[in-house]
Amino acid sequence: MTAAHSSTPADRPQLGLRERKKIRTREAIRSATYRLIDEQGYEATTIEQIADRAEVSPSTVFRYFPTKEDIVLTDEYDPLLLEELRARPADEPWLESMRQVMRKAIGLGIDEAREITELRCRLMAEVPAVRSRMMESMSQTGQLVAEAIGERTGRDPQSLEVRVFTMSLIGGLMEVSQYWARTGFREDLADLVDRALTVYERGLTS
């Protein structure tokens, strides 16, 4: 899923000059990529064009992002998602924790950058290479969620049961993103996530 961070600037530790420069460079590359894709489409956009628009070298682009797909999909939100899950009440049903955290993250993402959120979801639905890379990325997200489930339930996060539960949930959230794009972003994304989580809770009710 595409989600925004949920911490405020005051919550975050102050970064050194070098780290701030890295963040600015990454954001410049991302912004250049989004603008080019919006102007001419995903396939027509090249690393050389991205580098030129971001005013960096192609080697710098590759140093920050191994592939064009990574530019579109990579963010720094997974650790923050894990923090939010860990902060939920220990006795709260697991799926309710996911529902609350995802609703908060989606709300922030839509408020801060709805166009980018829609673009990423549309590319995931339309471009096989982006969808494939997203599956790899979400697998890594699943590892973090499995850790949180293990902490909450006392189960081994690498056990078959936890992995099956986690990855089926991750797969469902990916499908929500694609469904949202295929239906023209008409429905509220947070409501779609609620519907997906209700399927896990109740199954396919008649």
C-alpha atoms as a PDB file:
ATOM      1  CA  MET A   1       0.000   0.000   0.000  1.00  0.00           C
ATOM      2  CA  THR A   2       0.950   3.544  -0.524  1.00  0.00           C
ATOM      3  CA  ALA A   3       0.855   5.342   2.797  1.00  0.00           C
ATOM      4  CA  ALA A   4       2.287   8.456   4.332  1.00  0.00           C
ATOM      5  CA  HIS A   5       4.213   8.717   7.560  1.00  0.00           C
ATOM      6  CA  SER A   6       2.267   9.522  10.694  1.00  0.00           C
ATOM      7  CA  SER A   7       4.872  11.328  12.764  1.00  0.00           C
ATOM      8  CA  THR A   8       5.080  15.082  12.923  1.00  0.00           C
ATOM      9  CA  PRO A   9       8.255  17.084  12.315  1.00  0.00           C
ATOM     10  CA  ALA A  10       8.536  17.758  16.046  1.00  0.00           C
ATOM     11  CA  ASP A  11       8.500  14.016  16.737  1.00  0.00           C
ATOM     12  CA  ARG A  12      11.448  13.263  14.488  1.00  0.00           C
ATOM     13  CA  PRO A  13      15.076  13.518  15.571  1.00  0.00           C
ATOM     14  CA  GLN A  14      17.071  16.331  13.991  1.00  0.00           C
ATOM     15  CA  LEU A  15      19.143  15.064  11.070  1.00  0.00           C
ATOM     16  CA  GLY A  16      22.659  16.071  10.187  1.00  0.00           C
ATOM     17  CA  LEU A  17      23.532  18.070   7.084  1.00  0.00           C
ATOM     18  CA  ARG A  18      24.573  14.974   5.126  1.00  0.00           C
ATOM     19  CA  GLU A  19      21.318  13.145   5.865  1.00  0.00           C
ATOM     20  CA  ARG A  20      19.238  16.195   4.989  1.00  0.00           C
ATOM     21  CA  LYS A  21      21.089  16.472   1.681  1.00  0.00           C
ATOM     22  CA  LYS A  22      20.368  12.810   0.926  1.00  0.00           C
ATOM     23  CA  ILE A  23      16.682  13.311   1.639  1.00  0.00           C
ATOM     24  CA  ARG A  24      16.548  16.391  -0.612  1.00  0.00           C
ATOM     25  CA  THR A  25      18.262  14.478  -3.412  1.00  0.00           C
ATOM     26  CA  ARG A  26      15.883  11.537  -3.103  1.00  0.00           C
ATOM     27  CA  GLU A  27      12.885  13.868  -3.140  1.00  0.00           C
ATOM     28  CA  ALA A  28      14.233  15.759  -6.155  1.00  0.00           C
ATOM     29  CA  ILE A  29      14.603  12.483  -8.063  1.00  0.00           C
ATOM     30  CA  ARG A  30      11.115  11.350  -7.066  1.00  0.00           C
ATOM     31  CA  SER A  31       9.528  14.678  -7.982  1.00  0.00           C
ATOM     32  CA  ALA A  32      11.270  14.721 -11.350  1.00  0.00           C
ATOM     33  CA  THR A  33      10.089  11.180 -12.037  1.00  0.00           C
ATOM     34  CA  TYR A  34       6.479  11.923 -11.144  1.00  0.00           C
ATOM     35  CA  ARG A  35       6.431  15.044 -13.351  1.00  0.00           C
ATOM     36  CA  LEU A  36       7.938  13.246 -16.330  1.00  0.00           C
ATOM     37  CA  ILE A  37       5.566  10.304 -16.028  1.00  0.00           C
ATOM     38  CA  ASP A  38       2.637  12.690 -15.829  1.00  0.00           C
ATOM     39  CA  GLU A  39       3.872  14.507 -18.949  1.00  0.00           C
ATOM     40  CA  GLN A  40       4.865  11.595 -21.189  1.00  0.00           C
ATOM     41  CA  GLY A  41       3.982   8.281 -19.564  1.00  0.00           C
ATOM     42  CA  TYR A  42       5.935   5.672 -17.655  1.00  0.00           C
ATOM     43  CA  GLU A  43       7.547   3.759 -20.515  1.00  0.00           C
ATOM     44  CA  ALA A  44       8.804   6.897 -22.276  1.00  0.00           C
ATOM     45  CA  THR A  45      10.486   8.195 -19.143  1.00  0.00           C
ATOM     46  CA  THR A  46      14.188   7.325 -18.942  1.00  0.00           C
ATOM     47  CA  ILE A  47      16.750   7.493 -16.155  1.00  0.00           C
ATOM     48  CA  GLU A  48      18.710  10.044 -18.212  1.00  0.00           C
ATOM     49  CA  GLN A  49      15.656  12.298 -18.423  1.00  0.00           C
ATOM     50  CA  ILE A  50      15.019  11.921 -14.702  1.00  0.00           C
ATOM     51  CA  ALA A  51      18.622  12.808 -13.886  1.00  0.00           C
ATOM     52  CA  ASP A  52      18.499  15.866 -16.137  1.00  0.00           C
ATOM     53  CA  ARG A  53      15.227  17.102 -14.621  1.00  0.00           C
ATOM     54  CA  ALA A  54      16.498  16.498 -11.064  1.00  0.00           C
ATOM     55  CA  GLU A  55      19.847  18.136 -11.902  1.00  0.00           C
ATOM     56  CA  VAL A  56      21.893  15.108 -10.861  1.00  0.00           C
ATOM     57  CA  SER A  57      23.889  12.505 -12.780  1.00  0.00           C
ATOM     58  CA  PRO A  58      22.390   9.170 -13.899  1.00  0.00           C
ATOM     59  CA  SER A  59      24.857   7.428 -11.583  1.00  0.00           C
ATOM     60  CA  THR A  60      23.421   9.423  -8.675  1.00  0.00           C
ATOM     61  CA  VAL A  61      19.924   8.271  -9.574  1.00  0.00           C
ATOM     62  CA  PHE A  62      21.093   4.653  -9.578  1.00  0.00           C
ATOM     63  CA  ARG A  63      22.910   5.154  -6.285  1.00  0.00           C
ATOM     64  CA  TYR A  64      19.643   6.119  -4.620  1.00  0.00           C
ATOM     65  CA  PHE A  65      17.282   3.891  -6.622  1.00  0.00           C
ATOM     66  CA  PRO A  66      18.441   0.648  -8.301  1.00  0.00           C
ATOM     67  CA  THR A  67      15.576   0.694 -10.831  1.00  0.00           C
ATOM     68  CA  LYS A  68      13.011   3.093 -12.233  1.00  0.00           C
ATOM     69  CA  GLU A  69      10.322   1.072 -10.464  1.00  0.00           C
ATOM     70  CA  ASP A  70      12.032   1.753  -7.136  1.00  0.00           C
ATOM     71  CA  ILE A  71      11.803   5.505  -7.712  1.00  0.00           C
ATOM     72  CA  VAL A  72       8.042   5.228  -8.016  1.00  0.00           C
ATOM     73  CA  LEU A  73       7.482   2.826  -5.151  1.00  0.00           C
ATOM     74  CA  THR A  74      10.183   3.253  -2.509  1.00  0.00           C
ATOM     75  CA  ASP A  75       9.410   5.249   0.598  1.00  0.00           C
ATOM     76  CA  GLU A  76      10.552   5.413   4.216  1.00  0.00           C
ATOM     77  CA  TYR A  77       7.218   4.638   5.803  1.00  0.00           C
ATOM     78  CA  ASP A  78       7.485   0.951   6.711  1.00  0.00           C
ATOM     79  CA  PRO A  79       9.366   1.478  10.003  1.00  0.00           C
ATOM     80  CA  LEU A  80       6.838   4.150  10.956  1.00  0.00           C
ATOM     81  CA  LEU A  81       3.989   1.767  10.163  1.00  0.00           C
ATOM     82  CA  LEU A  82       5.593  -0.753  12.518  1.00  0.00           C
ATOM     83  CA  GLU A  83       5.912   1.893  15.238  1.00  0.00           C
ATOM     84  CA  GLU A  84       2.232   2.744  14.933  1.00  0.00           C
ATOM     85  CA  LEU A  85       1.208  -0.914  15.161  1.00  0.00           C
ATOM     86  CA  ARG A  86       3.348  -1.381  18.249  1.00  0.00           C
ATOM     87  CA  ALA A  87       1.760   1.678  19.837  1.00  0.00           C
ATOM     88  CA  ARG A  88      -1.784   0.289  19.603  1.00  0.00           C
ATOM     89  CA  PRO A  89      -3.349  -1.155  22.801  1.00  0.00           C
ATOM     90  CA  ALA A  90      -2.029  -4.638  23.556  1.00  0.00           C
ATOM     91  CA  ASP A  91      -5.546  -6.042  24.055  1.00  0.00           C
ATOM     92  CA  GLU A  92      -6.950  -4.574  20.831  1.00  0.00           C
ATOM     93  CA  PRO A  93      -7.945  -7.155  18.189  1.00  0.00           C
ATOM     94  CA  TRP A  94      -5.183  -7.367  15.619  1.00  0.00           C
ATOM     95  CA  LEU A  95      -7.306  -6.499  12.587  1.00  0.00           C
ATOM     96  CA  GLU A  96      -8.727  -3.491  14.415  1.00  0.00           C
ATOM     97  CA  SER A  97      -5.173  -2.274  14.996  1.00  0.00           C
ATOM     98  CA  MET A  98      -4.467  -2.627  11.288  1.00  0.00           C
ATOM     99  CA  ARG A  99      -7.696  -0.816  10.442  1.00  0.00           C
ATOM    100  CA  GLN A 100      -6.865   2.163  12.658  1.00  0.00           C
ATOM    101  CA  VAL A 101      -3.244   2.450  11.542  1.00  0.00           C
ATOM    102  CA  MET A 102      -4.077   2.137   7.845  1.00  0.00           C
ATOM    103  CA  ARG A 103      -6.885   4.684   8.076  1.00  0.00           C
ATOM    104  CA  LYS A 104      -4.546   7.160   9.745  1.00  0.00           C
ATOM    105  CA  ALA A 105      -1.761   6.556   7.217  1.00  0.00           C
ATOM    106  CA  ILE A 106      -4.089   6.784   4.211  1.00  0.00           C
ATOM    107  CA  GLY A 107      -5.618   9.990   5.528  1.00  0.00           C
ATOM    108  CA  LEU A 108      -2.224  11.626   5.816  1.00  0.00           C
ATOM    109  CA  GLY A 109      -1.141  10.353   2.412  1.00  0.00           C
ATOM    110  CA  ILE A 110      -4.242  11.653   0.666  1.00  0.00           C
ATOM    111  CA  ASP A 111      -4.015  15.010   2.428  1.00  0.00           C
ATOM    112  CA  GLU A 112      -0.334  15.494   1.571  1.00  0.00           C
ATOM    113  CA  ALA A 113      -0.127  14.120  -1.963  1.00  0.00           C
ATOM    114  CA  ARG A 114      -3.300  12.654  -3.436  1.00  0.00           C
ATOM    115  CA  GLU A 115      -2.067  12.952  -7.030  1.00  0.00           C
ATOM    116  CA  ILE A 116       1.098  10.990  -6.245  1.00  0.00           C
ATOM    117  CA  THR A 117      -0.855   8.357  -4.336  1.00  0.00           C
ATOM    118  CA  GLU A 118      -3.176   7.898  -7.319  1.00  0.00           C
ATOM    119  CA  LEU A 119      -0.264   7.828  -9.771  1.00  0.00           C
ATOM    120  CA  ARG A 120       1.519   5.082  -7.853  1.00  0.00           C
ATOM    121  CA  CYS A 121      -1.633   2.979  -7.608  1.00  0.00           C
ATOM    122  CA  ARG A 122      -2.402   3.493 -11.311  1.00  0.00           C
ATOM    123  CA  LEU A 123       1.105   2.452 -12.348  1.00  0.00           C
ATOM    124  CA  MET A 124       0.906  -0.624 -10.139  1.00  0.00           C
ATOM    125  CA  ALA A 125      -2.342  -1.605 -11.851  1.00  0.00           C
ATOM    126  CA  GLU A 126      -1.173  -0.839 -15.411  1.00  0.00           C
ATOM    127  CA  VAL A 127       2.577  -1.555 -15.578  1.00  0.00           C
ATOM    128  CA  PRO A 128       3.666  -5.175 -14.997  1.00  0.00           C
ATOM    129  CA  ALA A 129       7.218  -4.181 -13.988  1.00  0.00           C
ATOM    130  CA  VAL A 130       5.904  -1.805 -11.326  1.00  0.00           C
ATOM    131  CA  ARG A 131       3.435  -4.392 -10.058  1.00  0.00           C
ATOM    132  CA  SER A 132       6.158  -7.036  -9.835  1.00  0.00           C
ATOM    133  CA  ARG A 133       8.484  -4.721  -7.925  1.00  0.00           C
ATOM    134  CA  MET A 134       5.629  -3.738  -5.640  1.00  0.00           C
ATOM    135  CA  MET A 135       5.084  -7.392  -4.777  1.00  0.00           C
ATOM    136  CA  GLU A 136       8.735  -7.655  -3.734  1.00  0.00           C
ATOM    137  CA  SER A 137       8.481  -4.463  -1.707  1.00  0.00           C
ATOM    138  CA  MET A 138       5.290  -5.553   0.030  1.00  0.00           C
ATOM    139  CA  SER A 139       6.932  -8.853   0.916  1.00  0.00           C
ATOM    140  CA  GLN A 140       9.450  -6.849   2.921  1.00  0.00           C
ATOM    141  CA  THR A 141       6.598  -4.920   4.522  1.00  0.00           C
ATOM    142  CA  GLY A 142       5.064  -8.277   5.403  1.00  0.00           C
ATOM    143  CA  GLN A 143       8.202  -9.210   7.325  1.00  0.00           C
ATOM    144  CA  LEU A 144       7.802  -6.119   9.500  1.00  0.00           C
ATOM    145  CA  VAL A 145       4.101  -6.756  10.062  1.00  0.00           C
ATOM    146  CA  ALA A 146       4.890 -10.365  10.986  1.00  0.00           C
ATOM    147  CA  GLU A 147       7.269  -9.080  13.644  1.00  0.00           C
ATOM    148  CA  ALA A 148       4.528  -6.920  15.116  1.00  0.00           C
ATOM    149  CA  ILE A 149       2.086  -9.843  15.082  1.00  0.00           C
ATOM    150  CA  GLY A 150       4.669 -12.026  16.786  1.00  0.00           C
ATOM    151  CA  GLU A 151       5.189  -9.457  19.519  1.00  0.00           C
ATOM    152  CA  ARG A 152       1.446  -9.063  20.057  1.00  0.00           C
ATOM    153  CA  THR A 153       0.547 -12.770  20.038  1.00  0.00           C
ATOM    154  CA  GLY A 154       3.694 -14.415  21.348  1.00  0.00           C
ATOM    155  CA  ARG A 155       3.964 -16.490  18.179  1.00  0.00           C
ATOM    156  CA  ASP A 156       7.077 -17.032  16.141  1.00  0.00           C
ATOM    157  CA  PRO A 157       6.919 -14.355  13.386  1.00  0.00           C
ATOM    158  CA  GLN A 158       8.492 -16.852  10.973  1.00  0.00           C
ATOM    159  CA  SER A 159       5.993 -19.611  11.717  1.00  0.00           C
ATOM    160  CA  LEU A 160       3.871 -20.839   8.845  1.00  0.00           C
ATOM    161  CA  GLU A 161       0.662 -19.620  10.470  1.00  0.00           C
ATOM    162  CA  VAL A 162       1.907 -16.054  10.995  1.00  0.00           C
ATOM    163  CA  ARG A 163       3.471 -15.874   7.541  1.00  0.00           C
ATOM    164  CA  VAL A 164       0.302 -17.137   5.827  1.00  0.00           C
ATOM    165  CA  PHE A 165      -1.859 -14.688   7.767  1.00  0.00           C
ATOM    166  CA  THR A 166       0.496 -11.777   7.152  1.00  0.00           C
ATOM    167  CA  MET A 167       1.077 -12.320   3.462  1.00  0.00           C
ATOM    168  CA  SER A 168      -2.591 -12.936   2.725  1.00  0.00           C
ATOM    169  CA  LEU A 169      -3.272  -9.596   4.405  1.00  0.00           C
ATOM    170  CA  ILE A 170      -0.527  -7.881   2.391  1.00  0.00           C
ATOM    171  CA  GLY A 171      -1.900  -9.412  -0.821  1.00  0.00           C
ATOM    172  CA  GLY A 172      -5.345  -8.122   0.032  1.00  0.00           C
ATOM    173  CA  LEU A 173      -4.057  -4.597   0.584  1.00  0.00           C
ATOM    174  CA  MET A 174      -2.258  -4.706  -2.768  1.00  0.00           C
ATOM    175  CA  GLU A 175      -5.498  -5.718  -4.427  1.00  0.00           C
ATOM    176  CA  VAL A 176      -7.248  -2.772  -2.764  1.00  0.00           C
ATOM    177  CA  SER A 177      -4.768  -0.386  -4.405  1.00  0.00           C
ATOM    178  CA  GLN A 178      -5.279  -1.929  -7.824  1.00  0.00           C
ATOM    179  CA  TYR A 179      -9.067  -2.020  -7.437  1.00  0.00           C
ATOM    180  CA  TRP A 180      -9.062   1.653  -6.455  1.00  0.00           C
ATOM    181  CA  ALA A 181      -7.112   2.510  -9.613  1.00  0.00           C
ATOM    182  CA  ARG A 182      -9.198   0.296 -11.917  1.00  0.00           C
ATOM    183  CA  THR A 183     -12.418   1.903 -10.670  1.00  0.00           C
ATOM    184  CA  GLY A 184     -11.150   5.419 -11.343  1.00  0.00           C
ATOM    185  CA  PHE A 185     -10.419   6.374  -7.711  1.00  0.00           C
ATOM    186  CA  ARG A 186     -14.128   7.022  -7.201  1.00  0.00           C
ATOM    187  CA  GLU A 187     -14.429   5.443  -3.771  1.00  0.00           C
ATOM    188  CA  ASP A 188     -12.743   6.439  -0.544  1.00  0.00           C
ATOM    189  CA  LEU A 189      -9.494   4.464  -0.166  1.00  0.00           C
ATOM    190  CA  ALA A 190      -9.823   4.100   3.593  1.00  0.00           C
ATOM    191  CA  ASP A 191     -13.340   2.709   3.149  1.00  0.00           C
ATOM    192  CA  LEU A 192     -12.002   0.141   0.676  1.00  0.00           C
ATOM    193  CA  VAL A 193      -9.382  -0.949   3.207  1.00  0.00           C
ATOM    194  CA  ASP A 194     -12.152  -1.295   5.808  1.00  0.00           C
ATOM    195  CA  ARG A 195     -14.088  -3.520   3.409  1.00  0.00           C
ATOM    196  CA  ALA A 196     -11.031  -5.667   2.768  1.00  0.00           C
ATOM    197  CA  LEU A 197     -10.323  -6.130   6.463  1.00  0.00           C
ATOM    198  CA  THR A 198     -13.971  -7.018   7.050  1.00  0.00           C
ATOM    199  CA  VAL A 199     -13.524  -9.917   4.620  1.00  0.00           C
ATOM    200  CA  TYR A 200     -10.736 -11.241   6.859  1.00  0.00           C
ATOM    201  CA  GLU A 201     -12.935 -10.865   9.903  1.00  0.00           C
ATOM    202  CA  ARG A 202     -16.211 -12.296   8.551  1.00  0.00           C
ATOM    203  CA  GLY A 203     -15.438 -14.051   5.283  1.00  0.00           C
ATOM    204  CA  LEU A 204     -17.663 -13.688   2.225  1.00  0.00           C
ATOM    205  CA  THR A 205     -21.011 -13.000   3.820  1.00  0.00           C
ATOM    206  CA  SER A 206     -24.125 -13.430   1.700  1.00  0.00           C
END
